[in-house]
């Protein structure tokens, strides 16, 4: 075996080994590349899921916010309508005249008078424009006198220092009680759904 043959064998062996290393390197590079692509795909899918989740969450928040705002606007509109109805009722009550006003005022005064003892000095207050009406009605009650104005739609506020009692039988107080007791029904009739 000559030296050239040995050199050639070593060279071929080195070449084969180099080819083997290159093939292993390419295989390893392909494995690394495939793993990297798989990781990249997983990262991309995860990011897409996260973005979709955030979009859905943001959509839900905006939808919820819009629903709440719409509900608040409906409630404000209902409050406005109820306020207008209440104002209309107050105007109707304030506008009562003649026999109707006298009859209602008498009934409210009679209802208040049961709270006072005979012989009590009783002061009656009422709407300024009802002063003459109250003065005329009070001539029929012993110990009762018109004591001045009370800011109201009508009716009477009756009090006695002796009994330490004060009865508010104004149209306003009656309306307030009726309004509160029937608000649900009033609202139901106005806003039937």
N, C-alpha and C. Protein backbone atom coordinates (compact mmCIF):
# COMPACT_ATOMS: atom_id res chain seq x y z
N UNK A 1 0.83 -1.14 0.00
CA UNK A 1 0.00 0.00 0.00
C UNK A 1 0.88 1.22 0.00
N UNK A 2 0.60 1.95 -0.89
CA UNK A 2 1.46 3.11 -1.08
C UNK A 2 0.91 4.28 -0.29
N UNK A 3 1.73 5.21 -0.22
CA UNK A 3 1.39 6.40 0.54
C UNK A 3 0.25 7.14 -0.16
N UNK A 4 0.25 7.11 -1.43
CA UNK A 4 -0.83 7.79 -2.16
C UNK A 4 -2.16 7.11 -1.88
N UNK A 5 -2.15 5.84 -1.78
CA UNK A 5 -3.37 5.10 -1.53
C UNK A 5 -3.86 5.44 -0.13
N UNK A 6 -2.95 5.51 0.82
CA UNK A 6 -3.32 5.82 2.21
C UNK A 6 -3.89 7.23 2.25
N UNK A 7 -3.25 8.15 1.56
CA UNK A 7 -3.71 9.53 1.56
C UNK A 7 -5.10 9.57 0.92
N UNK A 8 -5.26 8.83 -0.17
CA UNK A 8 -6.54 8.80 -0.87
C UNK A 8 -7.60 8.22 0.04
N UNK A 9 -7.30 7.15 0.76
CA UNK A 9 -8.27 6.53 1.68
C UNK A 9 -8.64 7.51 2.79
N UNK A 10 -7.66 8.19 3.30
CA UNK A 10 -7.92 9.16 4.38
C UNK A 10 -8.78 10.29 3.82
N UNK A 11 -8.45 10.70 2.62
CA UNK A 11 -9.20 11.79 2.00
C UNK A 11 -10.65 11.35 1.77
N UNK A 12 -10.87 10.15 1.27
CA UNK A 12 -12.21 9.64 1.03
C UNK A 12 -12.97 9.50 2.35
N UNK A 13 -12.25 8.99 3.33
CA UNK A 13 -12.87 8.84 4.66
C UNK A 13 -13.26 10.21 5.22
N UNK A 14 -12.38 11.18 5.05
CA UNK A 14 -12.65 12.53 5.52
C UNK A 14 -13.82 13.12 4.75
N UNK A 15 -13.82 12.85 3.46
CA UNK A 15 -14.89 13.33 2.61
C UNK A 15 -16.23 12.70 3.02
N UNK A 16 -16.20 11.39 3.25
CA UNK A 16 -17.40 10.68 3.67
C UNK A 16 -17.88 11.21 5.01
N UNK A 17 -16.90 11.41 5.89
CA UNK A 17 -17.25 11.90 7.23
C UNK A 17 -17.81 13.33 7.13
N UNK A 18 -17.23 14.14 6.26
CA UNK A 18 -17.70 15.50 6.06
C UNK A 18 -19.10 15.49 5.48
N UNK A 19 -19.33 14.56 4.53
CA UNK A 19 -20.65 14.43 3.93
C UNK A 19 -21.66 13.99 4.97
N UNK A 20 -21.26 13.09 5.83
CA UNK A 20 -22.12 12.59 6.90
C UNK A 20 -22.45 13.72 7.88
N UNK A 21 -21.44 14.50 8.22
CA UNK A 21 -21.64 15.63 9.15
C UNK A 21 -22.55 16.68 8.51
N UNK A 22 -22.32 16.92 7.19
CA UNK A 22 -23.16 17.88 6.48
C UNK A 22 -24.60 17.39 6.43
N UNK A 23 -24.82 16.12 6.17
CA UNK A 23 -26.16 15.54 6.13
C UNK A 23 -26.82 15.63 7.50
N UNK A 24 -26.04 15.29 8.55
CA UNK A 24 -26.57 15.39 9.92
C UNK A 24 -26.92 16.84 10.24
N UNK A 25 -26.07 17.75 9.79
CA UNK A 25 -26.30 19.19 10.02
C UNK A 25 -27.55 19.66 9.32
N UNK A 26 -27.74 19.20 8.05
CA UNK A 26 -28.94 19.60 7.32
C UNK A 26 -30.19 19.02 7.99
N UNK A 27 -30.08 17.73 8.41
CA UNK A 27 -31.22 17.11 9.10
C UNK A 27 -31.54 17.88 10.37
N UNK A 28 -30.49 18.18 11.13
CA UNK A 28 -30.67 18.92 12.40
C UNK A 28 -31.24 20.31 12.12
N UNK A 29 -30.74 20.96 11.07
CA UNK A 29 -31.23 22.30 10.70
C UNK A 29 -32.70 22.22 10.30
N UNK A 30 -33.07 21.18 9.55
CA UNK A 30 -34.46 21.00 9.15
C UNK A 30 -35.34 20.76 10.38
N UNK A 31 -34.83 19.95 11.34
CA UNK A 31 -35.58 19.70 12.57
C UNK A 31 -35.77 21.00 13.36
N UNK A 32 -34.68 21.77 13.46
CA UNK A 32 -34.74 23.05 14.19
C UNK A 32 -35.71 24.00 13.49
N UNK A 33 -35.63 24.05 12.16
CA UNK A 33 -36.50 24.92 11.38
C UNK A 33 -37.96 24.49 11.54
N UNK A 34 -38.22 23.18 11.50
CA UNK A 34 -39.58 22.67 11.65
C UNK A 34 -40.11 23.00 13.05
N UNK A 35 -39.25 22.79 14.08
CA UNK A 35 -39.65 23.10 15.45
C UNK A 35 -39.93 24.59 15.60
N UNK A 36 -39.09 25.42 14.98
CA UNK A 36 -39.28 26.87 15.06
C UNK A 36 -40.58 27.27 14.37
N UNK A 37 -40.86 26.66 13.20
CA UNK A 37 -42.10 26.96 12.49
C UNK A 37 -43.31 26.51 13.32
N UNK A 38 -43.19 25.36 13.96
CA UNK A 38 -44.27 24.86 14.82
C UNK A 38 -44.49 25.80 16.00
N UNK A 39 -43.38 26.23 16.62
CA UNK A 39 -43.48 27.19 17.72
C UNK A 39 -44.11 28.50 17.24
N UNK A 40 -43.67 28.95 16.07
CA UNK A 40 -44.20 30.20 15.51
C UNK A 40 -45.70 30.07 15.25
N UNK A 41 -46.13 28.90 14.70
CA UNK A 41 -47.54 28.67 14.45
C UNK A 41 -48.34 28.69 15.75
N UNK A 42 -47.79 28.04 16.79
CA UNK A 42 -48.47 28.01 18.09
C UNK A 42 -48.55 29.42 18.68
N UNK A 43 -47.47 30.17 18.57
CA UNK A 43 -47.46 31.55 19.09
C UNK A 43 -48.48 32.40 18.33
N UNK A 44 -48.53 32.22 17.00
CA UNK A 44 -49.48 32.97 16.19
C UNK A 44 -50.91 32.60 16.55
N UNK A 45 -51.20 31.31 16.68
CA UNK A 45 -52.55 30.87 17.06
C UNK A 45 -52.93 31.41 18.43
N UNK A 46 -51.98 31.33 19.36
CA UNK A 46 -52.23 31.84 20.71
C UNK A 46 -52.51 33.35 20.67
N UNK A 47 -51.71 34.07 19.89
CA UNK A 47 -51.90 35.53 19.78
C UNK A 47 -53.25 35.83 19.14
N UNK A 48 -53.62 35.05 18.11
CA UNK A 48 -54.91 35.26 17.45
C UNK A 48 -56.07 35.00 18.42
N UNK A 49 -55.94 33.92 19.21
CA UNK A 49 -56.98 33.63 20.21
C UNK A 49 -57.08 34.75 21.23
N UNK A 50 -55.95 35.26 21.67
CA UNK A 50 -55.93 36.34 22.65
C UNK A 50 -56.56 37.60 22.07
N UNK A 51 -56.21 37.91 20.82
CA UNK A 51 -56.79 39.09 20.18
C UNK A 51 -58.29 38.91 20.01
N UNK A 52 -58.74 37.73 19.60
CA UNK A 52 -60.18 37.47 19.45
C UNK A 52 -60.88 37.59 20.80
N UNK A 53 -60.25 37.07 21.86
CA UNK A 53 -60.83 37.17 23.20
C UNK A 53 -60.94 38.64 23.63
N UNK A 54 -59.89 39.41 23.38
CA UNK A 54 -59.91 40.82 23.75
C UNK A 54 -60.96 41.59 22.94
N UNK A 55 -61.08 41.25 21.65
CA UNK A 55 -62.08 41.90 20.80
C UNK A 55 -63.48 41.57 21.33
N UNK A 56 -63.71 40.30 21.66
CA UNK A 56 -65.02 39.88 22.19
C UNK A 56 -65.31 40.58 23.51
N UNK A 57 -64.29 40.65 24.35
CA UNK A 57 -64.47 41.31 25.65
C UNK A 57 -64.78 42.79 25.46
N UNK A 58 -64.07 43.45 24.56
CA UNK A 58 -64.31 44.86 24.28
C UNK A 58 -65.70 45.06 23.69
N UNK A 59 -66.11 44.16 22.79
CA UNK A 59 -67.44 44.24 22.19
C UNK A 59 -68.51 44.10 23.27
N UNK A 60 -68.32 43.14 24.18
CA UNK A 60 -69.27 42.93 25.27
C UNK A 60 -69.35 44.17 26.17
N UNK A 61 -68.18 44.76 26.47
CA UNK A 61 -68.17 45.95 27.31
C UNK A 61 -68.90 47.10 26.63
N UNK A 62 -68.63 47.29 25.35
CA UNK A 62 -69.29 48.39 24.63
C UNK A 62 -70.79 48.14 24.51
N UNK A 63 -71.16 46.90 24.24
CA UNK A 63 -72.57 46.55 24.14
C UNK A 63 -73.27 46.79 25.48
N UNK A 64 -72.61 46.35 26.55
CA UNK A 64 -73.17 46.54 27.89
C UNK A 64 -73.29 48.03 28.21
N UNK A 65 -72.27 48.78 27.86
CA UNK A 65 -72.28 50.22 28.10
C UNK A 65 -73.39 50.90 27.30
N UNK A 66 -73.56 50.48 26.05
CA UNK A 66 -74.61 51.05 25.21
C UNK A 66 -75.99 50.72 25.76
N UNK A 67 -76.17 49.47 26.22
CA UNK A 67 -77.45 49.08 26.81
C UNK A 67 -77.75 49.90 28.05
N UNK A 68 -76.73 50.08 28.89
CA UNK A 68 -76.91 50.87 30.12
C UNK A 68 -77.27 52.31 29.78
N UNK A 69 -76.58 52.88 28.81
CA UNK A 69 -76.86 54.26 28.41
C UNK A 69 -78.28 54.38 27.86
N UNK A 70 -78.69 53.40 27.05
CA UNK A 70 -80.05 53.42 26.49
C UNK A 70 -81.08 53.31 27.62
N UNK A 71 -80.80 52.44 28.59
CA UNK A 71 -81.71 52.27 29.72
C UNK A 71 -81.82 53.57 30.52
N UNK A 72 -80.67 54.23 30.73
CA UNK A 72 -80.68 55.49 31.47
C UNK A 72 -81.48 56.56 30.72
N UNK A 73 -81.33 56.59 29.40
CA UNK A 73 -82.07 57.58 28.62
C UNK A 73 -83.57 57.29 28.66
N UNK A 74 -83.95 55.98 28.61
CA UNK A 74 -85.36 55.63 28.73
C UNK A 74 -85.90 56.06 30.09
N UNK A 75 -85.12 55.82 31.15
CA UNK A 75 -85.56 56.21 32.49
C UNK A 75 -85.70 57.72 32.61
N UNK A 76 -84.74 58.45 32.03
CA UNK A 76 -84.83 59.91 32.05
C UNK A 76 -86.08 60.38 31.30
N UNK A 77 -86.34 59.77 30.15
CA UNK A 77 -87.53 60.15 29.38
C UNK A 77 -88.80 59.84 30.17
N UNK A 78 -88.81 58.68 30.83
CA UNK A 78 -89.98 58.34 31.66
C UNK A 78 -90.15 59.32 32.81
N UNK A 79 -89.02 59.67 33.45
CA UNK A 79 -89.10 60.65 34.54
C UNK A 79 -89.65 61.97 34.03
N UNK A 80 -89.19 62.37 32.85
CA UNK A 80 -89.68 63.63 32.27
C UNK A 80 -91.18 63.56 32.00
N UNK A 81 -91.64 62.45 31.43
CA UNK A 81 -93.06 62.29 31.14
C UNK A 81 -93.86 62.28 32.44
N UNK A 82 -93.37 61.51 33.43
CA UNK A 82 -94.07 61.48 34.72
C UNK A 82 -94.11 62.88 35.35
N UNK A 83 -93.01 63.62 35.22
CA UNK A 83 -92.98 65.00 35.73
C UNK A 83 -94.00 65.88 35.04
N UNK A 84 -94.11 65.71 33.72
CA UNK A 84 -95.09 66.50 32.96
C UNK A 84 -96.52 66.13 33.39
N UNK A 85 -96.77 64.84 33.58
CA UNK A 85 -98.09 64.40 34.03
C UNK A 85 -98.38 64.99 35.41
N UNK A 86 -97.39 64.90 36.29
CA UNK A 86 -97.57 65.44 37.66
C UNK A 86 -97.84 66.94 37.60
N UNK A 87 -97.07 67.66 36.78
CA UNK A 87 -97.29 69.10 36.63
C UNK A 87 -98.70 69.39 36.12
N UNK A 88 -99.15 68.57 35.17
CA UNK A 88 -100.51 68.74 34.64
C UNK A 88 -101.57 68.52 35.70
N UNK A 89 -101.37 67.48 36.52
CA UNK A 89 -102.31 67.19 37.61
C UNK A 89 -102.32 68.35 38.60
N UNK A 90 -101.14 68.85 38.96
CA UNK A 90 -101.07 69.97 39.90
C UNK A 90 -101.78 71.20 39.33
N UNK A 91 -101.60 71.45 38.04
CA UNK A 91 -102.26 72.59 37.41
C UNK A 91 -103.78 72.43 37.46
N UNK A 92 -104.24 71.21 37.20
CA UNK A 92 -105.69 70.95 37.26
C UNK A 92 -106.22 71.18 38.67
N UNK A 93 -105.47 70.67 39.66
CA UNK A 93 -105.90 70.83 41.06
C UNK A 93 -105.89 72.30 41.46
N UNK A 94 -104.82 73.01 41.09
CA UNK A 94 -104.72 74.43 41.44
C UNK A 94 -105.83 75.22 40.77
N UNK A 95 -106.29 74.75 39.62
CA UNK A 95 -107.32 75.47 38.88
C UNK A 95 -108.75 75.15 39.31
N UNK A 96 -108.92 74.27 40.28
CA UNK A 96 -110.28 73.96 40.76
C UNK A 96 -110.93 75.24 41.31
N UNK A 97 -112.19 75.42 40.98
CA UNK A 97 -112.87 76.64 41.42
C UNK A 97 -114.28 76.33 41.92
N UNK A 98 -114.90 77.34 42.45
CA UNK A 98 -116.31 77.30 42.81
C UNK A 98 -116.68 76.22 43.81
N UNK A 99 -117.82 75.57 43.54
CA UNK A 99 -118.36 74.57 44.46
C UNK A 99 -117.41 73.40 44.67
N UNK A 100 -116.72 72.99 43.63
CA UNK A 100 -115.80 71.86 43.75
C UNK A 100 -114.69 72.19 44.74
N UNK A 101 -114.09 73.36 44.59
CA UNK A 101 -113.02 73.76 45.50
C UNK A 101 -113.54 73.89 46.93
N UNK A 102 -114.72 74.49 47.09
CA UNK A 102 -115.31 74.65 48.42
C UNK A 102 -115.60 73.29 49.05
N UNK A 103 -116.18 72.40 48.29
CA UNK A 103 -116.53 71.07 48.81
C UNK A 103 -115.27 70.31 49.26
N UNK A 104 -114.24 70.33 48.44
CA UNK A 104 -113.00 69.64 48.81
C UNK A 104 -112.34 70.27 50.03
N UNK A 105 -112.36 71.60 50.09
CA UNK A 105 -111.76 72.29 51.23
C UNK A 105 -112.51 71.95 52.51
N UNK A 106 -113.84 71.92 52.46
CA UNK A 106 -114.65 71.54 53.62
C UNK A 106 -114.33 70.12 54.08
N UNK A 107 -114.24 69.19 53.11
CA UNK A 107 -113.94 67.80 53.46
C UNK A 107 -112.58 67.67 54.14
N UNK A 108 -111.60 68.41 53.64
CA UNK A 108 -110.26 68.35 54.23
C UNK A 108 -110.25 68.99 55.63
N UNK A 109 -111.00 70.07 55.80
CA UNK A 109 -111.09 70.71 57.11
C UNK A 109 -111.83 69.80 58.09
N UNK A 110 -112.92 69.16 57.67
CA UNK A 110 -113.66 68.23 58.53
C UNK A 110 -112.77 67.06 58.95
N UNK A 111 -112.00 66.53 58.01
CA UNK A 111 -111.11 65.40 58.31
C UNK A 111 -110.04 65.81 59.32
N UNK A 112 -109.55 67.04 59.21
CA UNK A 112 -108.52 67.52 60.14
C UNK A 112 -109.12 67.84 61.51
N UNK A 113 -110.36 68.30 61.57
CA UNK A 113 -110.96 68.76 62.84
C UNK A 113 -111.15 67.63 63.84
N UNK A 114 -111.21 66.38 63.40
CA UNK A 114 -111.39 65.27 64.35
C UNK A 114 -110.16 65.10 65.25
N UNK A 115 -109.05 65.71 64.87
CA UNK A 115 -107.81 65.61 65.65
C UNK A 115 -107.76 66.59 66.82
N UNK A 116 -108.74 67.50 66.88
CA UNK A 116 -108.69 68.56 67.88
C UNK A 116 -109.82 68.41 68.89
N UNK A 117 -109.54 68.83 70.12
CA UNK A 117 -110.55 68.76 71.19
C UNK A 117 -111.48 69.97 71.10
N UNK A 118 -112.68 69.77 71.59
CA UNK A 118 -113.65 70.87 71.64
C UNK A 118 -113.07 71.94 72.56
N UNK A 119 -113.17 73.17 72.12
CA UNK A 119 -112.67 74.27 72.93
C UNK A 119 -111.24 74.66 72.60
N UNK A 120 -110.55 73.86 71.80
CA UNK A 120 -109.19 74.24 71.38
C UNK A 120 -109.25 75.48 70.51
N UNK A 121 -108.24 76.30 70.65
CA UNK A 121 -108.09 77.43 69.74
C UNK A 121 -107.31 76.90 68.54
N UNK A 122 -107.97 76.85 67.38
CA UNK A 122 -107.40 76.19 66.21
C UNK A 122 -107.11 77.23 65.13
N UNK A 123 -105.89 77.14 64.59
CA UNK A 123 -105.45 78.05 63.52
C UNK A 123 -105.46 77.28 62.20
N UNK A 124 -106.02 77.93 61.20
CA UNK A 124 -106.13 77.30 59.88
C UNK A 124 -105.36 78.15 58.87
N UNK A 125 -104.50 77.47 58.13
CA UNK A 125 -103.71 78.13 57.10
C UNK A 125 -104.11 77.55 55.74
N UNK A 126 -103.99 78.37 54.72
CA UNK A 126 -104.33 77.89 53.38
C UNK A 126 -103.72 78.76 52.30
N UNK A 127 -104.04 78.40 51.11
CA UNK A 127 -103.54 79.11 49.93
C UNK A 127 -104.03 80.56 49.99
N UNK A 128 -103.17 81.50 49.59
CA UNK A 128 -103.51 82.93 49.68
C UNK A 128 -104.81 83.25 48.95
N UNK A 129 -105.00 82.66 47.79
CA UNK A 129 -106.21 82.97 47.02
C UNK A 129 -107.47 82.33 47.61
N UNK A 130 -107.30 81.43 48.59
CA UNK A 130 -108.44 80.81 49.26
C UNK A 130 -108.81 81.50 50.57
N UNK A 131 -108.17 82.62 50.87
CA UNK A 131 -108.40 83.29 52.16
C UNK A 131 -109.87 83.60 52.40
N UNK A 132 -110.57 84.16 51.41
CA UNK A 132 -111.99 84.50 51.58
C UNK A 132 -112.82 83.23 51.77
N UNK A 133 -112.53 82.20 50.99
CA UNK A 133 -113.25 80.93 51.10
C UNK A 133 -113.06 80.34 52.49
N UNK A 134 -111.83 80.31 52.96
CA UNK A 134 -111.56 79.73 54.29
C UNK A 134 -112.22 80.55 55.39
N UNK A 135 -112.14 81.86 55.28
CA UNK A 135 -112.75 82.73 56.29
C UNK A 135 -114.25 82.46 56.35
N UNK A 136 -114.90 82.30 55.21
CA UNK A 136 -116.35 82.04 55.17
C UNK A 136 -116.67 80.67 55.77
N UNK A 137 -115.90 79.67 55.44
CA UNK A 137 -116.15 78.31 55.95
C UNK A 137 -115.92 78.26 57.46
N UNK A 138 -114.90 78.94 57.95
CA UNK A 138 -114.54 78.88 59.37
C UNK A 138 -115.57 79.53 60.29
N UNK A 139 -116.48 80.31 59.74
CA UNK A 139 -117.54 80.89 60.59
C UNK A 139 -118.43 79.79 61.15
N UNK A 140 -118.40 78.60 60.53
CA UNK A 140 -119.22 77.48 60.98
C UNK A 140 -118.50 76.62 62.03
N UNK A 141 -117.28 76.95 62.37
CA UNK A 141 -116.49 76.18 63.34
C UNK A 141 -116.16 77.06 64.54
N UNK A 142 -116.49 76.58 65.74
CA UNK A 142 -116.20 77.32 66.97
C UNK A 142 -114.72 77.18 67.32
N UNK A 143 -114.08 78.32 67.57
CA UNK A 143 -112.68 78.32 67.99
C UNK A 143 -111.69 78.21 66.84
N UNK A 144 -112.17 78.20 65.61
CA UNK A 144 -111.30 78.11 64.44
C UNK A 144 -111.15 79.50 63.82
N UNK A 145 -109.93 79.84 63.42
CA UNK A 145 -109.73 81.12 62.75
C UNK A 145 -108.69 80.98 61.64
N UNK A 146 -108.88 81.79 60.61
CA UNK A 146 -107.91 81.80 59.51
C UNK A 146 -106.66 82.50 60.01
N UNK A 147 -105.50 81.80 59.91
CA UNK A 147 -104.27 82.34 60.50
C UNK A 147 -103.26 82.81 59.46
N UNK A 148 -103.53 82.60 58.20
CA UNK A 148 -102.61 83.13 57.19
C UNK A 148 -102.35 82.16 56.05
N UNK A 149 -101.39 82.58 55.25
CA UNK A 149 -101.07 81.85 54.02
C UNK A 149 -100.20 80.63 54.28
N UNK A 150 -100.40 79.63 53.42
CA UNK A 150 -99.54 78.45 53.38
C UNK A 150 -99.32 78.16 51.90
N UNK A 151 -98.10 78.00 51.50
CA UNK A 151 -97.77 77.79 50.09
C UNK A 151 -98.19 76.38 49.67
N UNK A 152 -99.33 76.31 48.99
CA UNK A 152 -99.86 75.02 48.56
C UNK A 152 -100.83 75.22 47.40
N UNK A 153 -101.31 74.11 46.86
CA UNK A 153 -102.27 74.14 45.75
C UNK A 153 -103.68 74.42 46.25
N UNK A 154 -103.91 74.20 47.51
CA UNK A 154 -105.22 74.36 48.12
C UNK A 154 -105.32 73.44 49.32
N UNK A 155 -106.50 73.43 49.96
CA UNK A 155 -106.67 72.63 51.15
C UNK A 155 -106.29 73.43 52.38
N UNK A 156 -105.99 72.71 53.48
CA UNK A 156 -105.74 73.39 54.75
C UNK A 156 -104.59 72.75 55.53
N UNK A 157 -103.95 73.58 56.33
CA UNK A 157 -103.05 73.12 57.37
C UNK A 157 -103.67 73.64 58.66
N UNK A 158 -103.94 72.70 59.57
CA UNK A 158 -104.67 73.05 60.78
C UNK A 158 -103.80 72.70 61.97
N UNK A 159 -103.71 73.66 62.93
CA UNK A 159 -102.88 73.39 64.11
C UNK A 159 -103.48 74.04 65.35
N UNK A 160 -103.09 73.46 66.48
CA UNK A 160 -103.56 73.99 67.75
C UNK A 160 -102.41 73.89 68.73
N UNK A 161 -102.13 74.99 69.40
CA UNK A 161 -101.07 74.97 70.40
C UNK A 161 -101.49 74.15 71.61
N UNK A 162 -102.76 74.19 71.92
CA UNK A 162 -103.28 73.46 73.08
C UNK A 162 -103.14 71.95 72.90
N UNK A 163 -103.43 71.46 71.73
CA UNK A 163 -103.35 70.03 71.47
C UNK A 163 -101.98 69.62 70.94
N UNK A 164 -101.19 70.63 70.60
CA UNK A 164 -99.86 70.38 70.01
C UNK A 164 -99.96 69.44 68.80
N UNK A 165 -100.96 69.70 68.02
CA UNK A 165 -101.21 68.87 66.83
C UNK A 165 -101.18 69.77 65.61
N UNK A 166 -100.62 69.23 64.56
CA UNK A 166 -100.63 69.93 63.27
C UNK A 166 -101.01 68.91 62.20
N UNK A 167 -102.06 69.25 61.44
CA UNK A 167 -102.55 68.35 60.39
C UNK A 167 -102.38 69.05 59.05
N UNK A 168 -101.66 68.39 58.17
CA UNK A 168 -101.47 68.92 56.83
C UNK A 168 -102.43 68.20 55.88
N UNK A 169 -103.53 68.84 55.60
CA UNK A 169 -104.53 68.31 54.67
C UNK A 169 -104.60 69.22 53.44
N UNK A 170 -103.43 69.46 52.86
CA UNK A 170 -103.40 70.26 51.63
C UNK A 170 -103.60 69.35 50.43
N UNK A 171 -104.02 69.97 49.33
CA UNK A 171 -104.13 69.20 48.10
C UNK A 171 -102.77 68.58 47.75
N UNK A 172 -101.70 69.32 48.07
CA UNK A 172 -100.35 68.83 47.77
C UNK A 172 -100.05 67.53 48.52
N UNK A 173 -100.38 67.49 49.81
CA UNK A 173 -100.07 66.29 50.61
C UNK A 173 -100.92 65.11 50.16
N UNK A 174 -102.18 65.38 49.81
CA UNK A 174 -103.06 64.31 49.32
C UNK A 174 -102.52 63.80 47.98
N UNK A 175 -102.16 64.72 47.10
CA UNK A 175 -101.60 64.34 45.80
C UNK A 175 -100.34 63.52 45.99
N UNK A 176 -99.48 63.93 46.91
CA UNK A 176 -98.23 63.19 47.15
C UNK A 176 -98.51 61.76 47.58
N UNK A 177 -99.46 61.60 48.51
CA UNK A 177 -99.81 60.25 48.96
C UNK A 177 -100.39 59.40 47.82
N UNK A 178 -101.31 59.98 47.09
CA UNK A 178 -101.93 59.26 45.98
C UNK A 178 -100.90 58.94 44.91
N UNK A 179 -100.04 59.91 44.63
CA UNK A 179 -99.00 59.71 43.59
C UNK A 179 -98.08 58.57 43.98
N UNK A 180 -97.58 58.59 45.21
CA UNK A 180 -96.66 57.54 45.66
C UNK A 180 -97.34 56.17 45.69
N UNK A 181 -98.58 56.14 46.16
CA UNK A 181 -99.31 54.87 46.24
C UNK A 181 -99.62 54.28 44.87
N UNK A 182 -99.75 55.15 43.87
CA UNK A 182 -100.20 54.69 42.55
C UNK A 182 -99.16 54.89 41.45
N UNK A 183 -97.94 55.23 41.82
CA UNK A 183 -96.91 55.51 40.83
C UNK A 183 -96.66 54.33 39.90
N UNK A 184 -96.61 53.13 40.45
CA UNK A 184 -96.38 51.94 39.63
C UNK A 184 -97.50 51.78 38.58
N UNK A 185 -98.74 51.97 39.03
CA UNK A 185 -99.88 51.84 38.11
C UNK A 185 -99.87 52.96 37.07
N UNK A 186 -99.56 54.16 37.51
CA UNK A 186 -99.49 55.30 36.58
C UNK A 186 -98.42 55.03 35.53
N UNK A 187 -97.27 54.61 35.99
CA UNK A 187 -96.17 54.31 35.08
C UNK A 187 -96.54 53.18 34.13
N UNK A 188 -97.21 52.16 34.65
CA UNK A 188 -97.63 51.05 33.82
C UNK A 188 -98.58 51.48 32.72
N UNK A 189 -99.50 52.38 33.05
CA UNK A 189 -100.46 52.85 32.03
C UNK A 189 -99.78 53.73 30.99
N UNK A 190 -98.84 54.55 31.46
CA UNK A 190 -98.15 55.44 30.52
C UNK A 190 -97.17 54.70 29.62
N UNK A 191 -96.53 53.68 30.18
CA UNK A 191 -95.44 53.01 29.45
C UNK A 191 -95.70 51.54 29.27
N UNK A 192 -96.91 51.18 28.87
CA UNK A 192 -97.23 49.76 28.67
C UNK A 192 -96.25 49.16 27.70
N UNK A 193 -95.78 47.95 28.08
CA UNK A 193 -94.78 47.28 27.23
C UNK A 193 -95.26 45.92 26.86
